[in-house]
Structure formats: C-alpha cells, structure tokens
C-alpha cells in the first residue's frame, strides 16, 4: 500500500511537529485502510482556520481540525482522499488546557482528521465509540496515552 502525504505550512507558527512525524501519524491512521492513497495536510493560523470554519461549518472562530474528503460520485477517485486542515494555535492552546503534550495532541488531531477522510465519523453515539476506540488503539501503538481519559 502506497500512502502519499503532502504537507503545507501556511502559518508563521513554528512550534509544531516536523513533517516526518506528521507523515508517520497520518500513515498510522491509514493502516486501517487497504488502498493506495494521497492526502494533503495544511497547517494554518487562526485567521485561515476561522475563515474555513465559518465558510464550511457555519461556525464562529477557528477549530482544531477540519477534514475535507474528496469524493467523486461517492467513490474515492484515483486514491485522492482529501485535505486535512490543522490550526496550529488552537492545537497548542488545547494541549495546554488539557494538560497534554504538544506531540500527543498533534498526533491525535492528525489521526482524527485522517480517519474522517477514510469514512469514520462521530455523528451517532455508536460511531463516536467506534472512532474513539480506534484512535486510542492507534495512539497507544505510537506510545501516546488515551486522549479521552477524563
């Protein structure tokens, strides 16, 4: 299975993981997917994160992660999965508030966004549980703690 992960850095913020780590986390999430795939991860500032969240989700302010699956007649075209938007300042703020390491929260957001691209969601409670259990397992395989531990 061939996985291509393009990374775009569209922020002046520099306190986030390097491309190698980000690719590793995305590929870890893709281990549950059995096809060749390509995705783009774009790291943005609050301004772009706010604009995208307003435009696509009709919500005010930035959010941590947005996923935009590419679908062509309900099938993934040519292995192109879609785009993930990660808002660096929000992820940093959340990690501090939740008393998590930056690396663990970044890994979680990359995995979470990637799983959305391959069809996982958390709309129904049973889907939420399934997605969270998978995230926990994938993160633990990378040496990170359960992000949902309360």
C-alpha atoms as a PDB file:
ATOM      1  CA  UNK A   1       0.000   0.000   0.000  1.00  0.00           C
ATOM      2  CA  UNK A   2       1.386   3.405  -1.015  1.00  0.00           C
ATOM      3  CA  UNK A   3       0.440   6.458   1.039  1.00  0.00           C
ATOM      4  CA  UNK A   4       1.449   9.954  -0.078  1.00  0.00           C
ATOM      5  CA  UNK A   5       1.111  12.755   2.464  1.00  0.00           C
ATOM      6  CA  UNK A   6       1.666  16.305   1.223  1.00  0.00           C
ATOM      7  CA  UNK A   7       2.198  18.889   3.941  1.00  0.00           C
ATOM      8  CA  UNK A   8       1.590  22.616   3.550  1.00  0.00           C
ATOM      9  CA  UNK A   9       2.725  25.054   6.235  1.00  0.00           C
ATOM     10  CA  UNK A  10       0.630  28.212   5.963  1.00  0.00           C
ATOM     11  CA  UNK A  11       1.445  29.793   9.312  1.00  0.00           C
ATOM     12  CA  UNK A  12       4.300  31.697  10.918  1.00  0.00           C
ATOM     13  CA  UNK A  13       3.952  29.492  13.998  1.00  0.00           C
ATOM     14  CA  UNK A  14       6.859  27.066  14.310  1.00  0.00           C
ATOM     15  CA  UNK A  15       6.160  25.100  17.490  1.00  0.00           C
ATOM     16  CA  UNK A  16       4.659  22.041  15.898  1.00  0.00           C
ATOM     17  CA  UNK A  17       5.982  18.646  14.795  1.00  0.00           C
ATOM     18  CA  UNK A  18       8.197  18.185  11.775  1.00  0.00           C
ATOM     19  CA  UNK A  19       6.929  16.710   8.517  1.00  0.00           C
ATOM     20  CA  UNK A  20       8.386  13.277   9.265  1.00  0.00           C
ATOM     21  CA  UNK A  21       6.341  12.973  12.467  1.00  0.00           C
ATOM     22  CA  UNK A  22       3.166  14.249  10.827  1.00  0.00           C
ATOM     23  CA  UNK A  23       3.530  11.752   7.980  1.00  0.00           C
ATOM     24  CA  UNK A  24       4.142   8.924  10.460  1.00  0.00           C
ATOM     25  CA  UNK A  25       0.923   9.755  12.336  1.00  0.00           C
ATOM     26  CA  UNK A  26      -1.134  10.009   9.137  1.00  0.00           C
ATOM     27  CA  UNK A  27       0.276   6.702   7.881  1.00  0.00           C
ATOM     28  CA  UNK A  28      -0.512   5.088  11.233  1.00  0.00           C
ATOM     29  CA  UNK A  29      -4.151   6.107  10.789  1.00  0.00           C
ATOM     30  CA  UNK A  30      -4.044   4.829   7.203  1.00  0.00           C
ATOM     31  CA  UNK A  31      -3.006   1.378   8.464  1.00  0.00           C
ATOM     32  CA  UNK A  32      -6.729   0.586   8.744  1.00  0.00           C
ATOM     33  CA  UNK A  33      -7.202   1.421   5.048  1.00  0.00           C
ATOM     34  CA  UNK A  34      -6.134  -1.093   2.428  1.00  0.00           C
ATOM     35  CA  UNK A  35      -5.736   1.049  -0.687  1.00  0.00           C
ATOM     36  CA  UNK A  36      -3.160   3.426  -2.123  1.00  0.00           C
ATOM     37  CA  UNK A  37      -3.994   6.955  -1.114  1.00  0.00           C
ATOM     38  CA  UNK A  38      -2.917  10.571  -1.226  1.00  0.00           C
ATOM     39  CA  UNK A  39      -3.865  13.312   1.198  1.00  0.00           C
ATOM     40  CA  UNK A  40      -2.837  16.858   1.972  1.00  0.00           C
ATOM     41  CA  UNK A  41      -2.333  18.214   5.468  1.00  0.00           C
ATOM     42  CA  UNK A  42      -2.377  22.004   5.694  1.00  0.00           C
ATOM     43  CA  UNK A  43      -1.233  23.705   8.893  1.00  0.00           C
ATOM     44  CA  UNK A  44      -2.839  27.125   9.273  1.00  0.00           C
ATOM     45  CA  UNK A  45      -3.032  30.107  11.596  1.00  0.00           C
ATOM     46  CA  UNK A  46      -6.173  31.278  13.418  1.00  0.00           C
ATOM     47  CA  UNK A  47      -7.203  33.649  10.645  1.00  0.00           C
ATOM     48  CA  UNK A  48      -7.385  30.947   7.979  1.00  0.00           C
ATOM     49  CA  UNK A  49      -8.813  28.434  10.466  1.00  0.00           C
ATOM     50  CA  UNK A  50     -11.576  30.878  11.386  1.00  0.00           C
ATOM     51  CA  UNK A  51     -12.430  31.605   7.753  1.00  0.00           C
ATOM     52  CA  UNK A  52     -12.593  27.912   6.792  1.00  0.00           C
ATOM     53  CA  UNK A  53     -14.687  27.016   9.841  1.00  0.00           C
ATOM     54  CA  UNK A  54     -17.105  29.867   9.065  1.00  0.00           C
ATOM     55  CA  UNK A  55     -17.345  29.026   5.369  1.00  0.00           C
ATOM     56  CA  UNK A  56     -17.712  25.247   5.619  1.00  0.00           C
ATOM     57  CA  UNK A  57     -19.238  24.627   9.044  1.00  0.00           C
ATOM     58  CA  UNK A  58     -21.038  27.957   9.606  1.00  0.00           C
ATOM     59  CA  UNK A  59     -19.312  28.261  12.999  1.00  0.00           C
ATOM     60  CA  UNK A  60     -17.518  31.213  14.549  1.00  0.00           C
ATOM     61  CA  UNK A  61     -13.838  31.062  15.381  1.00  0.00           C
ATOM     62  CA  UNK A  62     -11.204  28.508  14.464  1.00  0.00           C
ATOM     63  CA  UNK A  63     -11.360  24.811  15.272  1.00  0.00           C
ATOM     64  CA  UNK A  64      -8.541  22.324  15.807  1.00  0.00           C
ATOM     65  CA  UNK A  65      -9.045  20.101  12.751  1.00  0.00           C
ATOM     66  CA  UNK A  66     -11.190  20.130   9.636  1.00  0.00           C
ATOM     67  CA  UNK A  67     -11.355  17.268   7.140  1.00  0.00           C
ATOM     68  CA  UNK A  68     -12.451  17.646   3.560  1.00  0.00           C
ATOM     69  CA  UNK A  69     -12.856  14.219   1.928  1.00  0.00           C
ATOM     70  CA  UNK A  70     -12.605  14.183  -1.845  1.00  0.00           C
ATOM     71  CA  UNK A  71     -15.480  12.246  -3.293  1.00  0.00           C
ATOM     72  CA  UNK A  72     -16.359  11.692  -6.900  1.00  0.00           C
ATOM     73  CA  UNK A  73     -19.778  10.066  -7.204  1.00  0.00           C
ATOM     74  CA  UNK A  74     -19.339   8.579  -3.712  1.00  0.00           C
ATOM     75  CA  UNK A  75     -16.093   6.798  -4.617  1.00  0.00           C
ATOM     76  CA  UNK A  76     -12.588   7.864  -3.856  1.00  0.00           C
ATOM     77  CA  UNK A  77     -11.106   8.985  -7.148  1.00  0.00           C
ATOM     78  CA  UNK A  78      -7.591   7.967  -8.080  1.00  0.00           C
ATOM     79  CA  UNK A  79      -6.564   7.401  -4.483  1.00  0.00           C
ATOM     80  CA  UNK A  80      -7.008  11.082  -3.624  1.00  0.00           C
ATOM     81  CA  UNK A  81      -8.573  11.083  -0.161  1.00  0.00           C
ATOM     82  CA  UNK A  82      -8.809  14.797   0.539  1.00  0.00           C
ATOM     83  CA  UNK A  83      -7.443  17.550   2.737  1.00  0.00           C
ATOM     84  CA  UNK A  84      -6.952  17.989   6.456  1.00  0.00           C
ATOM     85  CA  UNK A  85      -6.673  21.465   7.953  1.00  0.00           C
ATOM     86  CA  UNK A  86      -4.892  21.746  11.310  1.00  0.00           C
ATOM     87  CA  UNK A  87      -4.977  25.058  13.176  1.00  0.00           C
ATOM     88  CA  UNK A  88      -1.636  25.286  14.987  1.00  0.00           C
ATOM     89  CA  UNK A  89      -2.575  27.920  17.621  1.00  0.00           C
ATOM     90  CA  UNK A  90      -5.776  26.071  18.575  1.00  0.00           C
ATOM     91  CA  UNK A  91      -3.973  22.738  18.926  1.00  0.00           C
ATOM     92  CA  UNK A  92      -1.314  24.362  21.101  1.00  0.00           C
ATOM     93  CA  UNK A  93      -3.924  26.073  23.302  1.00  0.00           C
ATOM     94  CA  UNK A  94      -5.943  22.858  23.700  1.00  0.00           C
ATOM     95  CA  UNK A  95      -2.861  20.829  24.618  1.00  0.00           C
ATOM     96  CA  UNK A  96      -2.030  23.310  27.380  1.00  0.00           C
ATOM     97  CA  UNK A  97      -5.632  23.464  28.635  1.00  0.00           C
ATOM     98  CA  UNK A  98      -5.969  19.671  28.621  1.00  0.00           C
ATOM     99  CA  UNK A  99      -2.514  19.177  30.174  1.00  0.00           C
ATOM    100  CA  UNK A 100      -1.333  17.062  27.235  1.00  0.00           C
ATOM    101  CA  UNK A 101       1.993  17.185  25.489  1.00  0.00           C
ATOM    102  CA  UNK A 102       2.011  19.048  22.199  1.00  0.00           C
ATOM    103  CA  UNK A 103       3.162  15.899  20.404  1.00  0.00           C
ATOM    104  CA  UNK A 104       0.342  13.766  21.785  1.00  0.00           C
ATOM    105  CA  UNK A 105      -2.332  16.304  20.865  1.00  0.00           C
ATOM    106  CA  UNK A 106      -0.872  16.837  17.387  1.00  0.00           C
ATOM    107  CA  UNK A 107      -0.756  13.076  16.847  1.00  0.00           C
ATOM    108  CA  UNK A 108      -4.379  12.811  17.947  1.00  0.00           C
ATOM    109  CA  UNK A 109      -5.545  15.599  15.624  1.00  0.00           C
ATOM    110  CA  UNK A 110      -3.663  14.142  12.629  1.00  0.00           C
ATOM    111  CA  UNK A 111      -5.098  10.676  13.279  1.00  0.00           C
ATOM    112  CA  UNK A 112      -8.584  12.064  13.921  1.00  0.00           C
ATOM    113  CA  UNK A 113      -8.569  14.083  10.690  1.00  0.00           C
ATOM    114  CA  UNK A 114      -7.182  11.197   8.658  1.00  0.00           C
ATOM    115  CA  UNK A 115      -9.846   8.804   9.953  1.00  0.00           C
ATOM    116  CA  UNK A 116     -12.506  11.283   8.837  1.00  0.00           C
ATOM    117  CA  UNK A 117     -11.064  11.155   5.315  1.00  0.00           C
ATOM    118  CA  UNK A 118     -11.489   7.389   5.168  1.00  0.00           C
ATOM    119  CA  UNK A 119     -15.081   7.444   6.364  1.00  0.00           C
ATOM    120  CA  UNK A 120     -15.094   7.464  10.165  1.00  0.00           C
ATOM    121  CA  UNK A 121     -17.280   9.984  11.941  1.00  0.00           C
ATOM    122  CA  UNK A 122     -18.799  10.773  15.311  1.00  0.00           C
ATOM    123  CA  UNK A 123     -22.320  11.790  14.386  1.00  0.00           C
ATOM    124  CA  UNK A 124     -24.097   8.867  16.093  1.00  0.00           C
ATOM    125  CA  UNK A 125     -23.061   7.652  19.557  1.00  0.00           C
ATOM    126  CA  UNK A 126     -22.139   4.189  18.252  1.00  0.00           C
ATOM    127  CA  UNK A 127     -19.953   5.771  15.548  1.00  0.00           C
ATOM    128  CA  UNK A 128     -18.319   8.006  18.160  1.00  0.00           C
ATOM    129  CA  UNK A 129     -17.409   4.999  20.286  1.00  0.00           C
ATOM    130  CA  UNK A 130     -16.021   3.081  17.321  1.00  0.00           C
ATOM    131  CA  UNK A 131     -13.900   6.035  16.157  1.00  0.00           C
ATOM    132  CA  UNK A 132     -12.621   6.839  19.662  1.00  0.00           C
ATOM    133  CA  UNK A 133     -11.635   3.205  20.325  1.00  0.00           C
ATOM    134  CA  UNK A 134      -9.686   3.150  17.066  1.00  0.00           C
ATOM    135  CA  UNK A 135      -7.987   6.477  17.858  1.00  0.00           C
ATOM    136  CA  UNK A 136      -6.997   5.172  21.302  1.00  0.00           C
ATOM    137  CA  UNK A 137      -5.542   1.984  19.808  1.00  0.00           C
ATOM    138  CA  UNK A 138      -3.609   3.851  17.099  1.00  0.00           C
ATOM    139  CA  UNK A 139      -2.254   6.426  19.546  1.00  0.00           C
ATOM    140  CA  UNK A 140      -1.231   3.723  22.016  1.00  0.00           C
ATOM    141  CA  UNK A 141       0.660   1.966  19.194  1.00  0.00           C
ATOM    142  CA  UNK A 142       2.689   5.186  18.908  1.00  0.00           C
ATOM    143  CA  UNK A 143       3.316   5.389  22.658  1.00  0.00           C
ATOM    144  CA  UNK A 144       0.699   8.056  23.448  1.00  0.00           C
ATOM    145  CA  UNK A 145      -1.884   7.892  26.232  1.00  0.00           C
ATOM    146  CA  UNK A 146      -5.641   7.686  25.758  1.00  0.00           C
ATOM    147  CA  UNK A 147      -6.665  11.219  24.692  1.00  0.00           C
ATOM    148  CA  UNK A 148     -10.175  10.712  26.057  1.00  0.00           C
ATOM    149  CA  UNK A 149      -9.085   9.769  29.576  1.00  0.00           C
ATOM    150  CA  UNK A 150     -11.022  12.008  31.880  1.00  0.00           C
END
